[in-house]
């Protein structure tokens, strides 16, 4: 029997795709980068932020990408103040693990307080 179950946050426990996409597109706008679509952002979810931005905007130099990254971090944190939307069944699984006295942990890819 497992003693600990470790979950990823985004895309496993909670659906943050819309929040990620909106924050990235707004960050690009604030940095005056060429316009992109939601699908451009969806394709990079899960890779490191610096790599993601260079994939979305391959024509930009490192400094321009860094500006987008800073805007994104600010916008995502601001959007992160609202409760996340959990996937169907997530709470039932967590409650079942709790009832079985199995420890749970979250290992997100993003820094969170």
Protein backbone atom coordinates (compact mmCIF):
# COMPACT_ATOMS: atom_id res chain seq x y z
CA UNK A 1 0.00 0.00 0.00
CA UNK A 2 1.30 3.45 -0.90
CA UNK A 3 2.35 5.75 1.95
CA UNK A 4 2.54 8.89 -0.15
CA UNK A 5 0.93 10.03 -3.40
CA UNK A 6 2.47 13.08 -5.12
CA UNK A 7 0.38 15.02 -7.60
CA UNK A 8 1.21 17.64 -10.18
CA UNK A 9 -1.00 20.73 -9.84
CA UNK A 10 -1.69 22.04 -13.34
CA UNK A 11 -3.45 19.58 -15.58
CA UNK A 12 -3.68 16.84 -12.94
CA UNK A 13 -5.62 18.18 -9.98
CA UNK A 14 -6.79 21.48 -11.38
CA UNK A 15 -7.60 22.87 -14.81
CA UNK A 16 -5.49 25.98 -15.27
CA UNK A 17 -5.23 25.91 -19.07
CA UNK A 18 -7.42 28.99 -19.58
CA UNK A 19 -5.50 30.92 -16.92
CA UNK A 20 -2.14 30.00 -18.47
CA UNK A 21 -3.27 30.89 -21.99
CA UNK A 22 -4.86 34.21 -21.04
CA UNK A 23 -1.84 35.26 -18.96
CA UNK A 24 0.62 34.38 -21.74
CA UNK A 25 -1.36 36.15 -24.46
CA UNK A 26 -1.74 39.26 -22.29
CA UNK A 27 1.99 39.18 -21.49
CA UNK A 28 2.78 39.14 -25.19
CA UNK A 29 0.45 42.08 -25.78
CA UNK A 30 2.05 44.09 -22.95
CA UNK A 31 5.48 43.41 -24.45
CA UNK A 32 4.27 44.46 -27.92
CA UNK A 33 5.09 41.01 -29.29
CA UNK A 34 3.38 39.72 -32.44
CA UNK A 35 -0.11 38.40 -31.77
CA UNK A 36 -0.64 34.71 -31.06
CA UNK A 37 -3.64 32.44 -30.56
CA UNK A 38 -4.73 30.31 -27.61
CA UNK A 39 -3.67 27.11 -29.42
CA UNK A 40 -0.12 28.48 -29.72
CA UNK A 41 0.03 28.65 -25.93
CA UNK A 42 -1.73 25.32 -25.31
CA UNK A 43 1.03 23.59 -27.30
CA UNK A 44 3.74 24.70 -24.82
CA UNK A 45 2.05 23.91 -21.52
CA UNK A 46 4.34 21.75 -19.46
CA UNK A 47 7.70 22.99 -20.71
CA UNK A 48 9.90 25.52 -18.93
CA UNK A 49 8.80 29.13 -19.18
CA UNK A 50 11.87 30.41 -21.04
CA UNK A 51 11.62 27.60 -23.59
CA UNK A 52 7.86 28.09 -23.92
CA UNK A 53 8.17 31.79 -24.72
CA UNK A 54 10.90 31.14 -27.31
CA UNK A 55 8.68 28.52 -28.97
CA UNK A 56 5.67 30.86 -29.07
CA UNK A 57 7.76 33.82 -30.29
CA UNK A 58 10.79 32.34 -32.09
CA UNK A 59 11.48 35.66 -33.82
CA UNK A 60 12.19 37.49 -30.54
CA UNK A 61 15.59 37.81 -28.91
CA UNK A 62 16.34 36.76 -25.33
CA UNK A 63 15.75 40.23 -23.86
CA UNK A 64 12.37 40.50 -25.55
CA UNK A 65 11.43 37.03 -24.30
CA UNK A 66 12.54 37.98 -20.79
CA UNK A 67 10.11 40.92 -20.85
CA UNK A 68 7.25 38.59 -21.76
CA UNK A 69 8.29 36.20 -18.98
CA UNK A 70 8.22 38.95 -16.37
CA UNK A 71 4.79 40.12 -17.54
CA UNK A 72 3.55 36.51 -17.54
CA UNK A 73 4.74 35.84 -14.00
CA UNK A 74 2.97 38.94 -12.73
CA UNK A 75 -0.26 38.26 -14.65
CA UNK A 76 -0.38 34.58 -13.72
CA UNK A 77 0.14 35.33 -10.03
CA UNK A 78 -2.59 37.96 -10.18
CA UNK A 79 -4.96 35.48 -11.87
CA UNK A 80 -3.91 32.80 -9.39
CA UNK A 81 -5.76 34.64 -6.61
CA UNK A 82 -9.02 33.07 -7.75
CA UNK A 83 -9.79 29.48 -6.69
CA UNK A 84 -8.76 26.91 -9.30
CA UNK A 85 -11.29 24.73 -11.09
CA UNK A 86 -10.80 21.09 -10.09
CA UNK A 87 -11.37 18.23 -12.49
CA UNK A 88 -14.41 16.01 -12.00
CA UNK A 89 -13.70 13.37 -9.39
CA UNK A 90 -10.53 14.95 -7.98
CA UNK A 91 -12.03 15.79 -4.62
CA UNK A 92 -13.48 12.28 -4.25
CA UNK A 93 -10.04 10.75 -4.92
CA UNK A 94 -8.39 13.06 -2.40
CA UNK A 95 -11.05 12.24 0.19
CA UNK A 96 -10.56 8.50 -0.44
CA UNK A 97 -6.80 8.85 0.04
CA UNK A 98 -7.41 10.86 3.22
CA UNK A 99 -9.77 8.20 4.57
CA UNK A 100 -7.12 5.55 3.85
CA UNK A 101 -4.61 7.69 5.79
CA UNK A 102 -2.37 8.01 2.75
CA UNK A 103 -0.22 11.15 2.72
CA UNK A 104 -0.68 13.51 -0.19
CA UNK A 105 1.65 16.11 -1.64
CA UNK A 106 1.70 18.50 -4.58
CA UNK A 107 4.81 19.10 -6.68
CA UNK A 108 3.93 22.02 -8.98
CA UNK A 109 6.21 23.21 -11.72
CA UNK A 110 5.53 26.83 -10.77
CA UNK A 111 6.67 28.63 -7.69
CA UNK A 112 3.80 29.14 -5.27
CA UNK A 113 3.72 30.42 -1.74
